[in-house]
PDB file of N, CA and C in Angstrom:
ATOM      1  N   MET A   1     146.574  98.214  65.674  1.00  0.00           N
ATOM      2  CA  MET A   1     145.894  97.366  66.651  1.00  0.00           C
ATOM      3  C   MET A   1     145.442  98.172  67.867  1.00  0.00           C
ATOM      4  N   LYS A   2     146.224  99.197  68.187  1.00  0.00           N
ATOM      5  CA  LYS A   2     145.863 100.043  69.331  1.00  0.00           C
ATOM      6  C   LYS A   2     144.489 100.677  69.111  1.00  0.00           C
ATOM      7  N   ASN A   3     144.287 101.247  67.945  1.00  0.00           N
ATOM      8  CA  ASN A   3     143.023 101.905  67.635  1.00  0.00           C
ATOM      9  C   ASN A   3     141.869 100.898  67.618  1.00  0.00           C
ATOM     10  N   THR A   4     142.107  99.727  67.048  1.00  0.00           N
ATOM     11  CA  THR A   4     141.090  98.676  67.007  1.00  0.00           C
ATOM     12  C   THR A   4     140.693  98.265  68.425  1.00  0.00           C
ATOM     13  N   THR A   5     141.683  98.108  69.289  1.00  0.00           N
ATOM     14  CA  THR A   5     141.421  97.732  70.681  1.00  0.00           C
ATOM     15  C   THR A   5     140.568  98.781  71.375  1.00  0.00           C
ATOM     16  N   LEU A   6     140.925 100.045  71.191  1.00  0.00           N
ATOM     17  CA  LEU A   6     140.163 101.127  71.823  1.00  0.00           C
ATOM     18  C   LEU A   6     138.736 101.204  71.266  1.00  0.00           C
ATOM     19  N   ILE A   7     138.588 101.006  69.978  1.00  0.00           N
ATOM     20  CA  ILE A   7     137.248 101.038  69.368  1.00  0.00           C
ATOM     21  C   ILE A   7     136.400  99.892  69.907  1.00  0.00           C
ATOM     22  N   PHE A   8     136.959  98.672  69.949  1.00  0.00           N
ATOM     23  CA  PHE A   8     136.193  97.544  70.495  1.00  0.00           C
ATOM     24  C   PHE A   8     135.842  97.782  71.955  1.00  0.00           C
ATOM     25  N   GLY A   9     136.759  98.351  72.720  1.00  0.00           N
ATOM     26  CA  GLY A   9     136.462  98.659  74.117  1.00  0.00           C
ATOM     27  C   GLY A   9     135.283  99.604  74.242  1.00  0.00           C
ATOM     28  N   ALA A  10     135.286 100.651  73.431  1.00  0.00           N
ATOM     29  CA  ALA A  10     134.189 101.623  73.477  1.00  0.00           C
ATOM     30  C   ALA A  10     132.881 101.013  72.979  1.00  0.00           C
ATOM     31  N   VAL A  11     132.943 100.230  71.918  1.00  0.00           N
ATOM     32  CA  VAL A  11     131.731  99.596  71.376  1.00  0.00           C
ATOM     33  C   VAL A  11     131.164  98.590  72.375  1.00  0.00           C
ATOM     34  N   TYR A  12     132.037  97.767  72.961  1.00  0.00           N
ATOM     35  CA  TYR A  12     131.563  96.804  73.959  1.00  0.00           C
ATOM     36  C   TYR A  12     130.929  97.522  75.150  1.00  0.00           C
ATOM     37  N   GLY A  13     131.509  98.639  75.561  1.00  0.00           N
ATOM     38  CA  GLY A  13     130.924  99.409  76.661  1.00  0.00           C
ATOM     39  C   GLY A  13     129.559  99.962  76.293  1.00  0.00           C
ATOM     40  N   LEU A  14     129.451 100.545  75.111  1.00  0.00           N
ATOM     41  CA  LEU A  14     128.175 101.086  74.633  1.00  0.00           C
ATOM     42  C   LEU A  14     127.100 100.003  74.576  1.00  0.00           C
ATOM     43  N   ILE A  15     127.445  98.873  73.970  1.00  0.00           N
ATOM     44  CA  ILE A  15     126.471  97.788  73.841  1.00  0.00           C
ATOM     45  C   ILE A  15     126.081  97.244  75.211  1.00  0.00           C
ATOM     46  N   SER A  16     127.018  97.199  76.142  1.00  0.00           N
ATOM     47  CA  SER A  16     126.711  96.738  77.504  1.00  0.00           C
ATOM     48  C   SER A  16     125.662  97.617  78.172  1.00  0.00           C
ATOM     49  N   ILE A  17     125.813  98.916  78.018  1.00  0.00           N
ATOM     50  CA  ILE A  17     124.843  99.844  78.615  1.00  0.00           C
ATOM     51  C   ILE A  17     123.465  99.661  77.981  1.00  0.00           C
ATOM     52  N   ILE A  18     123.442  99.560  76.669  1.00  0.00           N
ATOM     53  CA  ILE A  18     122.172  99.390  75.954  1.00  0.00           C
ATOM     54  C   ILE A  18     121.504  98.078  76.356  1.00  0.00           C
ATOM     55  N   LEU A  19     122.275  96.980  76.334  1.00  0.00           N
ATOM     56  CA  LEU A  19     121.694  95.685  76.681  1.00  0.00           C
ATOM     57  C   LEU A  19     121.320  95.601  78.156  1.00  0.00           C
ATOM     58  N   GLY A  20     122.101  96.247  79.002  1.00  0.00           N
ATOM     59  CA  GLY A  20     121.767  96.275  80.430  1.00  0.00           C
ATOM     60  C   GLY A  20     120.435  96.963  80.675  1.00  0.00           C
ATOM     61  N   ALA A  21     120.224  98.087  80.022  1.00  0.00           N
ATOM     62  CA  ALA A  21     118.946  98.797  80.152  1.00  0.00           C
ATOM     63  C   ALA A  21     117.810  97.977  79.553  1.00  0.00           C
ATOM     64  N   PHE A  22     118.069  97.367  78.414  1.00  0.00           N
ATOM     65  CA  PHE A  22     117.072  96.509  77.769  1.00  0.00           C
ATOM     66  C   PHE A  22     116.692  95.352  78.688  1.00  0.00           C
ATOM     67  N   GLY A  23     117.691  94.736  79.296  1.00  0.00           N
ATOM     68  CA  GLY A  23     117.433  93.622  80.204  1.00  0.00           C
ATOM     69  C   GLY A  23     116.666  94.043  81.438  1.00  0.00           C
ATOM     70  N   ALA A  24     117.007  95.200  81.976  1.00  0.00           N
ATOM     71  CA  ALA A  24     116.356  95.665  83.196  1.00  0.00           C
ATOM     72  C   ALA A  24     114.908  96.078  82.974  1.00  0.00           C
ATOM     73  N   HIS A  25     114.589  96.538  81.784  1.00  0.00           N
ATOM     74  CA  HIS A  25     113.244  97.064  81.552  1.00  0.00           C
ATOM     75  C   HIS A  25     112.363  96.183  80.672  1.00  0.00           C
ATOM     76  N   ALA A  26     112.902  95.644  79.616  1.00  0.00           N
ATOM     77  CA  ALA A  26     112.057  94.942  78.644  1.00  0.00           C
ATOM     78  C   ALA A  26     112.029  93.428  78.825  1.00  0.00           C
ATOM     79  N   LEU A  27     113.104  92.854  79.312  1.00  0.00           N
ATOM     80  CA  LEU A  27     113.183  91.390  79.339  1.00  0.00           C
ATOM     81  C   LEU A  27     112.460  90.727  80.496  1.00  0.00           C
ATOM     82  N   LYS A  28     112.152  91.475  81.544  1.00  0.00           N
ATOM     83  CA  LYS A  28     111.486  90.894  82.708  1.00  0.00           C
ATOM     84  C   LYS A  28     110.184  90.197  82.342  1.00  0.00           C
ATOM     85  N   LYS A  29     109.524  90.690  81.326  1.00  0.00           N
ATOM     86  CA  LYS A  29     108.233  90.136  80.937  1.00  0.00           C
ATOM     87  C   LYS A  29     108.358  89.035  79.891  1.00  0.00           C
ATOM     88  N   VAL A  30     109.574  88.864  79.335  1.00  0.00           N
ATOM     89  CA  VAL A  30     109.742  87.968  78.194  1.00  0.00           C
ATOM     90  C   VAL A  30     110.432  86.654  78.573  1.00  0.00           C
ATOM     91  N   ILE A  31     111.442  86.723  79.427  1.00  0.00           N
ATOM     92  CA  ILE A  31     112.205  85.515  79.768  1.00  0.00           C
ATOM     93  C   ILE A  31     112.163  85.252  81.267  1.00  0.00           C
ATOM     94  N   ALA A  32     112.457  84.010  81.642  1.00  0.00           N
ATOM     95  CA  ALA A  32     112.454  83.600  83.045  1.00  0.00           C
ATOM     96  C   ALA A  32     113.564  84.316  83.821  1.00  0.00           C
ATOM     97  N   ILE A  33     113.383  84.386  85.139  1.00  0.00           N
ATOM     98  CA  ILE A  33     114.340  85.061  86.018  1.00  0.00           C
ATOM     99  C   ILE A  33     115.746  84.471  85.868  1.00  0.00           C
ATOM    100  N   GLU A  34     115.858  83.125  85.801  1.00  0.00           N
ATOM    101  CA  GLU A  34     117.176  82.496  85.667  1.00  0.00           C
ATOM    102  C   GLU A  34     117.847  82.918  84.366  1.00  0.00           C
ATOM    103  N   LYS A  35     117.057  83.014  83.308  1.00  0.00           N
ATOM    104  CA  LYS A  35     117.594  83.437  82.013  1.00  0.00           C
ATOM    105  C   LYS A  35     118.004  84.907  82.062  1.00  0.00           C
ATOM    106  N   LEU A  36     117.237  85.714  82.768  1.00  0.00           N
ATOM    107  CA  LEU A  36     117.565  87.136  82.906  1.00  0.00           C
ATOM    108  C   LEU A  36     118.868  87.305  83.689  1.00  0.00           C
ATOM    109  N   GLN A  37     119.042  86.499  84.731  1.00  0.00           N
ATOM    110  CA  GLN A  37     120.293  86.560  85.494  1.00  0.00           C
ATOM    111  C   GLN A  37     121.485  86.161  84.627  1.00  0.00           C
ATOM    112  N   SER A  38     121.297  85.170  83.801  1.00  0.00           N
ATOM    113  CA  SER A  38     122.344  84.751  82.872  1.00  0.00           C
ATOM    114  C   SER A  38     122.653  85.868  81.878  1.00  0.00           C
ATOM    115  N   PHE A  39     121.612  86.493  81.342  1.00  0.00           N
ATOM    116  CA  PHE A  39     121.762  87.614  80.422  1.00  0.00           C
ATOM    117  C   PHE A  39     122.580  88.724  81.085  1.00  0.00           C
ATOM    118  N   GLU A  40     122.270  89.021  82.340  1.00  0.00           N
ATOM    119  CA  GLU A  40     122.987  90.064  83.078  1.00  0.00           C
ATOM    120  C   GLU A  40     124.452  89.702  83.277  1.00  0.00           C
ATOM    121  N   THR A  41     124.750  88.415  83.422  1.00  0.00           N
ATOM    122  CA  THR A  41     126.146  87.971  83.519  1.00  0.00           C
ATOM    123  C   THR A  41     126.882  88.290  82.223  1.00  0.00           C
ATOM    124  N   GLY A  42     126.256  88.024  81.095  1.00  0.00           N
ATOM    125  CA  GLY A  42     126.850  88.355  79.802  1.00  0.00           C
ATOM    126  C   GLY A  42     127.129  89.839  79.674  1.00  0.00           C
ATOM    127  N   VAL A  43     126.167  90.658  80.111  1.00  0.00           N
ATOM    128  CA  VAL A  43     126.328  92.116  80.055  1.00  0.00           C
ATOM    129  C   VAL A  43     127.474  92.559  80.963  1.00  0.00           C
ATOM    130  N   ARG A  44     127.520  92.005  82.166  1.00  0.00           N
ATOM    131  CA  ARG A  44     128.551  92.398  83.139  1.00  0.00           C
ATOM    132  C   ARG A  44     129.955  92.043  82.623  1.00  0.00           C
ATOM    133  N   TYR A  45     130.120  90.827  82.117  1.00  0.00           N
ATOM    134  CA  TYR A  45     131.431  90.424  81.606  1.00  0.00           C
ATOM    135  C   TYR A  45     131.810  91.217  80.360  1.00  0.00           C
ATOM    136  N   GLN A  46     130.835  91.585  79.583  1.00  0.00           N
ATOM    137  CA  GLN A  46     131.124  92.418  78.409  1.00  0.00           C
ATOM    138  C   GLN A  46     131.636  93.783  78.855  1.00  0.00           C
ATOM    139  N   MET A  47     131.054  94.323  79.917  1.00  0.00           N
ATOM    140  CA  MET A  47     131.526  95.614  80.425  1.00  0.00           C
ATOM    141  C   MET A  47     132.925  95.485  81.027  1.00  0.00           C
ATOM    142  N   TYR A  48     133.193  94.375  81.742  1.00  0.00           N
ATOM    143  CA  TYR A  48     134.550  94.154  82.253  1.00  0.00           C
ATOM    144  C   TYR A  48     135.544  94.145  81.098  1.00  0.00           C
ATOM    145  N   ALA A  49     135.180  93.466  80.019  1.00  0.00           N
ATOM    146  CA  ALA A  49     136.053  93.389  78.845  1.00  0.00           C
ATOM    147  C   ALA A  49     136.231  94.766  78.212  1.00  0.00           C
ATOM    148  N   ALA A  50     135.176  95.584  78.214  1.00  0.00           N
ATOM    149  CA  ALA A  50     135.282  96.937  77.659  1.00  0.00           C
ATOM    150  C   ALA A  50     136.336  97.728  78.426  1.00  0.00           C
ATOM    151  N   PHE A  51     136.284  97.672  79.757  1.00  0.00           N
ATOM    152  CA  PHE A  51     137.282  98.377  80.570  1.00  0.00           C
ATOM    153  C   PHE A  51     138.681  97.810  80.312  1.00  0.00           C
ATOM    154  N   PHE A  52     138.771  96.482  80.262  1.00  0.00           N
ATOM    155  CA  PHE A  52     140.043  95.817  79.985  1.00  0.00           C
ATOM    156  C   PHE A  52     140.638  96.341  78.684  1.00  0.00           C
ATOM    157  N   LEU A  53     139.838  96.346  77.625  1.00  0.00           N
ATOM    158  CA  LEU A  53     140.329  96.765  76.313  1.00  0.00           C
ATOM    159  C   LEU A  53     140.721  98.241  76.285  1.00  0.00           C
ATOM    160  N   LEU A  54     139.956  99.078  76.955  1.00  0.00           N
ATOM    161  CA  LEU A  54     140.308 100.494  76.996  1.00  0.00           C
ATOM    162  C   LEU A  54     141.623 100.716  77.738  1.00  0.00           C
ATOM    163  N   ILE A  55     141.780 100.035  78.858  1.00  0.00           N
ATOM    164  CA  ILE A  55     143.013 100.181  79.636  1.00  0.00           C
ATOM    165  C   ILE A  55     144.203  99.610  78.867  1.00  0.00           C
ATOM    166  N   VAL A  56     144.040  98.396  78.333  1.00  0.00           N
ATOM    167  CA  VAL A  56     145.110  97.761  77.572  1.00  0.00           C
ATOM    168  C   VAL A  56     145.449  98.588  76.329  1.00  0.00           C
ATOM    169  N   GLY A  57     144.435  99.173  75.726  1.00  0.00           N
ATOM    170  CA  GLY A  57     144.661 100.003  74.549  1.00  0.00           C
ATOM    171  C   GLY A  57     145.564 101.187  74.836  1.00  0.00           C
ATOM    172  N   TYR A  58     145.521 101.678  76.061  1.00  0.00           N
ATOM    173  CA  TYR A  58     146.392 102.796  76.425  1.00  0.00           C
ATOM    174  C   TYR A  58     147.735 102.346  76.988  1.00  0.00           C
ATOM    175  N   ILE A  59     147.779 101.172  77.616  1.00  0.00           N
ATOM    176  CA  ILE A  59     149.017 100.699  78.243  1.00  0.00           C
ATOM    177  C   ILE A  59     149.979 100.082  77.231  1.00  0.00           C
ATOM    178  N   LEU A  60     149.464  99.196  76.381  1.00  0.00           N
ATOM    179  CA  LEU A  60     150.339  98.446  75.479  1.00  0.00           C
ATOM    180  C   LEU A  60     150.735  99.270  74.256  1.00  0.00           C
ATOM    181  N   LYS A  61     151.905  98.945  73.731  1.00  0.00           N
ATOM    182  CA  LYS A  61     152.387  99.620  72.523  1.00  0.00           C
ATOM    183  C   LYS A  61     152.070  98.815  71.267  1.00  0.00           C
ATOM    184  N   PHE A  62     151.688  97.556  71.427  1.00  0.00           N
ATOM    185  CA  PHE A  62     151.340  96.653  70.319  1.00  0.00           C
ATOM    186  C   PHE A  62     152.489  96.491  69.341  1.00  0.00           C
ATOM    187  N   GLU A  63     153.695  96.355  69.891  1.00  0.00           N
ATOM    188  CA  GLU A  63     154.886  96.162  69.078  1.00  0.00           C
ATOM    189  C   GLU A  63     155.221  94.684  68.883  1.00  0.00           C
ATOM    190  N   THR A  64     154.715  93.832  69.743  1.00  0.00           N
ATOM    191  CA  THR A  64     155.019  92.397  69.668  1.00  0.00           C
ATOM    192  C   THR A  64     153.738  91.616  69.385  1.00  0.00           C
ATOM    193  N   PRO A  65     153.887  90.418  68.832  1.00  0.00           N
ATOM    194  CA  PRO A  65     152.707  89.576  68.597  1.00  0.00           C
ATOM    195  C   PRO A  65     151.936  89.262  69.883  1.00  0.00           C
ATOM    196  N   SER A  66     152.653  89.052  70.980  1.00  0.00           N
ATOM    197  CA  SER A  66     151.943  88.726  72.229  1.00  0.00           C
ATOM    198  C   SER A  66     151.078  89.885  72.711  1.00  0.00           C
ATOM    199  N   GLU A  67     151.537  91.105  72.520  1.00  0.00           N
ATOM    200  CA  GLU A  67     150.725  92.267  72.895  1.00  0.00           C
ATOM    201  C   GLU A  67     149.456  92.316  72.042  1.00  0.00           C
ATOM    202  N   LYS A  68     149.584  92.011  70.787  1.00  0.00           N
ATOM    203  CA  LYS A  68     148.421  91.998  69.894  1.00  0.00           C
ATOM    204  C   LYS A  68     147.453  90.885  70.277  1.00  0.00           C
ATOM    205  N   TRP A  69     148.003  89.720  70.644  1.00  0.00           N
ATOM    206  CA  TRP A  69     147.143  88.596  71.007  1.00  0.00           C
ATOM    207  C   TRP A  69     146.381  88.837  72.309  1.00  0.00           C
ATOM    208  N   ILE A  70     146.942  89.614  73.215  1.00  0.00           N
ATOM    209  CA  ILE A  70     146.213  89.967  74.435  1.00  0.00           C
ATOM    210  C   ILE A  70     144.885  90.618  74.052  1.00  0.00           C
ATOM    211  N   SER A  71     144.953  91.531  73.124  1.00  0.00           N
ATOM    212  CA  SER A  71     143.762  92.246  72.665  1.00  0.00           C
ATOM    213  C   SER A  71     142.840  91.348  71.840  1.00  0.00           C
ATOM    214  N   ILE A  72     143.413  90.628  70.878  1.00  0.00           N
ATOM    215  CA  ILE A  72     142.614  89.778  69.984  1.00  0.00           C
ATOM    216  C   ILE A  72     141.839  88.734  70.782  1.00  0.00           C
ATOM    217  N   LEU A  73     142.499  88.089  71.733  1.00  0.00           N
ATOM    218  CA  LEU A  73     141.833  87.045  72.522  1.00  0.00           C
ATOM    219  C   LEU A  73     140.701  87.609  73.374  1.00  0.00           C
ATOM    220  N   MET A  74     140.901  88.814  73.917  1.00  0.00           N
ATOM    221  CA  MET A  74     139.830  89.413  74.718  1.00  0.00           C
ATOM    222  C   MET A  74     138.658  89.818  73.829  1.00  0.00           C
ATOM    223  N   ILE A  75     138.932  90.391  72.682  1.00  0.00           N
ATOM    224  CA  ILE A  75     137.862  90.784  71.763  1.00  0.00           C
ATOM    225  C   ILE A  75     137.060  89.566  71.332  1.00  0.00           C
ATOM    226  N   ALA A  76     137.749  88.534  70.863  1.00  0.00           N
ATOM    227  CA  ALA A  76     137.066  87.325  70.385  1.00  0.00           C
ATOM    228  C   ALA A  76     136.391  86.577  71.528  1.00  0.00           C
ATOM    229  N   GLY A  77     137.092  86.438  72.639  1.00  0.00           N
ATOM    230  CA  GLY A  77     136.529  85.724  73.787  1.00  0.00           C
ATOM    231  C   GLY A  77     135.274  86.382  74.325  1.00  0.00           C
ATOM    232  N   THR A  78     135.292  87.691  74.412  1.00  0.00           N
ATOM    233  CA  THR A  78     134.119  88.421  74.900  1.00  0.00           C
ATOM    234  C   THR A  78     132.951  88.249  73.950  1.00  0.00           C
ATOM    235  N   PHE A  79     133.219  88.332  72.660  1.00  0.00           N
ATOM    236  CA  PHE A  79     132.148  88.146  71.682  1.00  0.00           C
ATOM    237  C   PHE A  79     131.528  86.755  71.839  1.00  0.00           C
ATOM    238  N   LEU A  80     132.364  85.729  71.841  1.00  0.00           N
ATOM    239  CA  LEU A  80     131.846  84.361  71.960  1.00  0.00           C
ATOM    240  C   LEU A  80     131.116  84.153  73.284  1.00  0.00           C
ATOM    241  N   PHE A  81     131.711  84.611  74.373  1.00  0.00           N
ATOM    242  CA  PHE A  81     131.128  84.418  75.699  1.00  0.00           C
ATOM    243  C   PHE A  81     129.792  85.146  75.839  1.00  0.00           C
ATOM    244  N   SER A  82     129.807  86.444  75.636  1.00  0.00           N
ATOM    245  CA  SER A  82     128.599  87.234  75.879  1.00  0.00           C
ATOM    246  C   SER A  82     127.492  86.956  74.873  1.00  0.00           C
ATOM    247  N   VAL A  83     127.823  86.896  73.599  1.00  0.00           N
ATOM    248  CA  VAL A  83     126.784  86.661  72.597  1.00  0.00           C
ATOM    249  C   VAL A  83     126.152  85.292  72.786  1.00  0.00           C
ATOM    250  N   SER A  84     126.954  84.284  73.124  1.00  0.00           N
ATOM    251  CA  SER A  84     126.366  82.965  73.352  1.00  0.00           C
ATOM    252  C   SER A  84     125.441  82.979  74.573  1.00  0.00           C
ATOM    253  N   ILE A  85     125.795  83.736  75.601  1.00  0.00           N
ATOM    254  CA  ILE A  85     124.904  83.854  76.764  1.00  0.00           C
ATOM    255  C   ILE A  85     123.613  84.574  76.376  1.00  0.00           C
ATOM    256  N   TYR A  86     123.724  85.619  75.580  1.00  0.00           N
ATOM    257  CA  TYR A  86     122.519  86.319  75.125  1.00  0.00           C
ATOM    258  C   TYR A  86     121.614  85.377  74.348  1.00  0.00           C
ATOM    259  N   LEU A  87     122.202  84.589  73.470  1.00  0.00           N
ATOM    260  CA  LEU A  87     121.413  83.639  72.681  1.00  0.00           C
ATOM    261  C   LEU A  87     120.786  82.565  73.572  1.00  0.00           C
ATOM    262  N   LEU A  88     121.539  82.085  74.549  1.00  0.00           N
ATOM    263  CA  LEU A  88     120.996  81.079  75.469  1.00  0.00           C
ATOM    264  C   LEU A  88     119.845  81.640  76.302  1.00  0.00           C
ATOM    265  N   ALA A  89     119.929  82.921  76.645  1.00  0.00           N
ATOM    266  CA  ALA A  89     118.840  83.545  77.420  1.00  0.00           C
ATOM    267  C   ALA A  89     117.542  83.543  76.630  1.00  0.00           C
ATOM    268  N   PHE A  90     117.652  83.625  75.311  1.00  0.00           N
ATOM    269  CA  PHE A  90     116.468  83.638  74.442  1.00  0.00           C
ATOM    270  C   PHE A  90     116.174  82.277  73.804  1.00  0.00           C
ATOM    271  N   ALA A  91     116.892  81.249  74.224  1.00  0.00           N
ATOM    272  CA  ALA A  91     116.765  79.933  73.587  1.00  0.00           C
ATOM    273  C   ALA A  91     115.325  79.425  73.585  1.00  0.00           C
ATOM    274  N   ASP A  92     114.639  79.564  74.695  1.00  0.00           N
ATOM    275  CA  ASP A  92     113.254  79.067  74.777  1.00  0.00           C
ATOM    276  C   ASP A  92     112.296  79.908  73.945  1.00  0.00           C
ATOM    277  N   VAL A  93     112.466  81.204  73.994  1.00  0.00           N
ATOM    278  CA  VAL A  93     111.563  82.126  73.306  1.00  0.00           C
ATOM    279  C   VAL A  93     111.764  82.103  71.791  1.00  0.00           C
ATOM    280  N   ALA A  94     113.020  82.052  71.359  1.00  0.00           N
ATOM    281  CA  ALA A  94     113.331  82.167  69.934  1.00  0.00           C
ATOM    282  C   ALA A  94     113.677  80.830  69.271  1.00  0.00           C
ATOM    283  N   ASN A  95     113.495  79.746  70.011  1.00  0.00           N
ATOM    284  CA  ASN A  95     113.766  78.413  69.479  1.00  0.00           C
ATOM    285  C   ASN A  95     115.214  78.278  68.978  1.00  0.00           C
ATOM    286  N   ILE A  96     116.155  78.718  69.826  1.00  0.00           N
ATOM    287  CA  ILE A  96     117.583  78.645  69.503  1.00  0.00           C
ATOM    288  C   ILE A  96     118.126  77.343  70.091  1.00  0.00           C
ATOM    289  N   PRO A  97     118.829  76.543  69.313  1.00  0.00           N
ATOM    290  CA  PRO A  97     119.334  75.249  69.801  1.00  0.00           C
ATOM    291  C   PRO A  97     120.467  75.425  70.816  1.00  0.00           C
ATOM    292  N   SER A  98     120.146  75.250  72.089  1.00  0.00           N
ATOM    293  CA  SER A  98     121.135  75.462  73.145  1.00  0.00           C
ATOM    294  C   SER A  98     122.260  74.435  73.098  1.00  0.00           C
ATOM    295  N   LYS A  99     122.030  73.269  72.502  1.00  0.00           N
ATOM    296  CA  LYS A  99     123.096  72.267  72.394  1.00  0.00           C
ATOM    297  C   LYS A  99     124.212  72.746  71.464  1.00  0.00           C
ATOM    298  N   ILE A 100     123.883  73.608  70.535  1.00  0.00           N
ATOM    299  CA  ILE A 100     124.891  74.148  69.620  1.00  0.00           C
ATOM    300  C   ILE A 100     125.544  75.386  70.226  1.00  0.00           C
ATOM    301  N   VAL A 101     124.742  76.254  70.811  1.00  0.00           N
ATOM    302  CA  VAL A 101     125.243  77.520  71.345  1.00  0.00           C
ATOM    303  C   VAL A 101     125.946  77.330  72.693  1.00  0.00           C
ATOM    304  N   GLY A 102     125.466  76.416  73.513  1.00  0.00           N
ATOM    305  CA  GLY A 102     125.990  76.205  74.862  1.00  0.00           C
ATOM    306  C   GLY A 102     127.493  76.011  74.953  1.00  0.00           C
ATOM    307  N   PRO A 103     128.095  75.156  74.121  1.00  0.00           N
ATOM    308  CA  PRO A 103     129.546  74.932  74.214  1.00  0.00           C
ATOM    309  C   PRO A 103     130.395  76.144  73.821  1.00  0.00           C
ATOM    310  N   ILE A 104     129.803  77.126  73.186  1.00  0.00           N
ATOM    311  CA  ILE A 104     130.560  78.311  72.778  1.00  0.00           C
ATOM    312  C   ILE A 104     130.921  79.177  73.990  1.00  0.00           C
ATOM    313  N   THR A 105     130.059  79.194  74.988  1.00  0.00           N
ATOM    314  CA  THR A 105     130.276  80.046  76.166  1.00  0.00           C
ATOM    315  C   THR A 105     131.595  79.735  76.867  1.00  0.00           C
ATOM    316  N   PRO A 106     131.870  78.477  77.227  1.00  0.00           N
ATOM    317  CA  PRO A 106     133.153  78.222  77.899  1.00  0.00           C
ATOM    318  C   PRO A 106     134.372  78.469  77.006  1.00  0.00           C
ATOM    319  N   LEU A 107     134.226  78.294  75.709  1.00  0.00           N
ATOM    320  CA  LEU A 107     135.324  78.604  74.794  1.00  0.00           C
ATOM    321  C   LEU A 107     135.650  80.095  74.852  1.00  0.00           C
ATOM    322  N   GLY A 108     134.610  80.923  74.826  1.00  0.00           N
ATOM    323  CA  GLY A 108     134.819  82.374  74.953  1.00  0.00           C
ATOM    324  C   GLY A 108     135.452  82.721  76.281  1.00  0.00           C
ATOM    325  N   GLY A 109     134.975  82.086  77.344  1.00  0.00           N
ATOM    326  CA  GLY A 109     135.555  82.322  78.664  1.00  0.00           C
ATOM    327  C   GLY A 109     137.018  81.930  78.723  1.00  0.00           C
ATOM    328  N   LEU A 110     137.354  80.812  78.089  1.00  0.00           N
ATOM    329  CA  LEU A 110     138.741  80.366  78.057  1.00  0.00           C
ATOM    330  C   LEU A 110     139.636  81.379  77.336  1.00  0.00           C
ATOM    331  N   LEU A 111     139.157  81.913  76.219  1.00  0.00           N
ATOM    332  CA  LEU A 111     139.940  82.928  75.506  1.00  0.00           C
ATOM    333  C   LEU A 111     140.153  84.171  76.372  1.00  0.00           C
ATOM    334  N   MET A 112     139.131  84.548  77.131  1.00  0.00           N
ATOM    335  CA  MET A 112     139.260  85.700  78.028  1.00  0.00           C
ATOM    336  C   MET A 112     140.288  85.419  79.128  1.00  0.00           C
ATOM    337  N   ILE A 113     140.251  84.202  79.678  1.00  0.00           N
ATOM    338  CA  ILE A 113     141.207  83.815  80.719  1.00  0.00           C
ATOM    339  C   ILE A 113     142.632  83.848  80.171  1.00  0.00           C
ATOM    340  N   ILE A 114     142.831  83.310  78.972  1.00  0.00           N
ATOM    341  CA  ILE A 114     144.165  83.319  78.358  1.00  0.00           C
ATOM    342  C   ILE A 114     144.650  84.750  78.151  1.00  0.00           C
ATOM    343  N   SER A 115     143.752  85.637  77.747  1.00  0.00           N
ATOM    344  CA  SER A 115     144.109  87.042  77.557  1.00  0.00           C
ATOM    345  C   SER A 115     144.592  87.664  78.869  1.00  0.00           C
ATOM    346  N   TRP A 116     143.858  87.407  79.951  1.00  0.00           N
ATOM    347  CA  TRP A 116     144.265  87.913  81.264  1.00  0.00           C
ATOM    348  C   TRP A 116     145.627  87.337  81.667  1.00  0.00           C
ATOM    349  N   ALA A 117     145.817  86.040  81.444  1.00  0.00           N
ATOM    350  CA  ALA A 117     147.083  85.401  81.806  1.00  0.00           C
ATOM    351  C   ALA A 117     148.235  86.002  80.996  1.00  0.00           C
ATOM    352  N   MET A 118     148.006  86.242  79.721  1.00  0.00           N
ATOM    353  CA  MET A 118     149.043  86.866  78.885  1.00  0.00           C
ATOM    354  C   MET A 118     149.364  88.276  79.361  1.00  0.00           C
ATOM    355  N   LEU A 119     148.351  88.992  79.832  1.00  0.00           N
ATOM    356  CA  LEU A 119     148.584  90.335  80.357  1.00  0.00           C
ATOM    357  C   LEU A 119     149.433  90.272  81.629  1.00  0.00           C
ATOM    358  N   ILE A 120     149.136  89.313  82.490  1.00  0.00           N
ATOM    359  CA  ILE A 120     149.941  89.130  83.703  1.00  0.00           C
ATOM    360  C   ILE A 120     151.390  88.833  83.325  1.00  0.00           C
ATOM    361  N   PHE A 121     151.573  87.911  82.374  1.00  0.00           N
ATOM    362  CA  PHE A 121     152.917  87.565  81.917  1.00  0.00           C
ATOM    363  C   PHE A 121     153.631  88.799  81.352  1.00  0.00           C
ATOM    364  N   TYR A 122     152.901  89.608  80.602  1.00  0.00           N
ATOM    365  CA  TYR A 122     153.464  90.849  80.044  1.00  0.00           C
ATOM    366  C   TYR A 122     153.958  91.763  81.170  1.00  0.00           C
ATOM    367  N   PHE A 123     153.137  91.931  82.201  1.00  0.00           N
ATOM    368  CA  PHE A 123     153.519  92.799  83.327  1.00  0.00           C
ATOM    369  C   PHE A 123     154.749  92.254  84.063  1.00  0.00           C
ATOM    370  N   VAL A 124     154.776  90.948  84.292  1.00  0.00           N
ATOM    371  CA  VAL A 124     155.908  90.336  84.988  1.00  0.00           C
ATOM    372  C   VAL A 124     157.186  90.474  84.161  1.00  0.00           C
ATOM    373  N   LYS A 125     157.062  90.179  82.882  1.00  0.00           N
ATOM    374  CA  LYS A 125     158.218  90.217  81.967  1.00  0.00           C
ATOM    375  C   LYS A 125     158.762  91.640  81.820  1.00  0.00           C
ATOM    376  N   ASN A 126     157.886  92.608  81.740  1.00  0.00           N
ATOM    377  CA  ASN A 126     158.308  93.993  81.518  1.00  0.00           C
ATOM    378  C   ASN A 126     158.437  94.805  82.793  1.00  0.00           C
ATOM    379  N   LYS A 127     158.150  94.183  83.928  1.00  0.00           N
ATOM    380  CA  LYS A 127     158.247  94.847  85.240  1.00  0.00           C
ATOM    381  C   LYS A 127     157.551  96.213  85.238  1.00  0.00           C
ATOM    382  N   VAL A 128     156.317  96.182  84.763  1.00  0.00           N
ATOM    383  CA  VAL A 128     155.532  97.422  84.649  1.00  0.00           C
ATOM    384  C   VAL A 128     155.034  97.843  86.003  1.00  0.00           C
TER     385      VAL A 128
END
């Protein structure tokens, strides 16, 4: 799980840089400013998650189920949160049904919040 966490952290970071550059240069002409700002939020949170996963990948030993779930919830939550925001940013252009994609964003955010809370609990419990 340690290696998986580190790989996802690096991949999320790489994709964040690519999408950030894409958003800054190519999307200005394609989507509305509000949608671009939303897209940038997805990129920013994905990068936060990349740092989280890289740090957690080095800190945790992944010996307990809760340590594994800290990583799993952040990986899944970030995917749901950021990808749904990316899809919503293109909803008008690509005819993506926002009523279906929209509810996924808060679910992803909730998983990310739970991951952070579990990490806090881990630190308190282990007096790190």
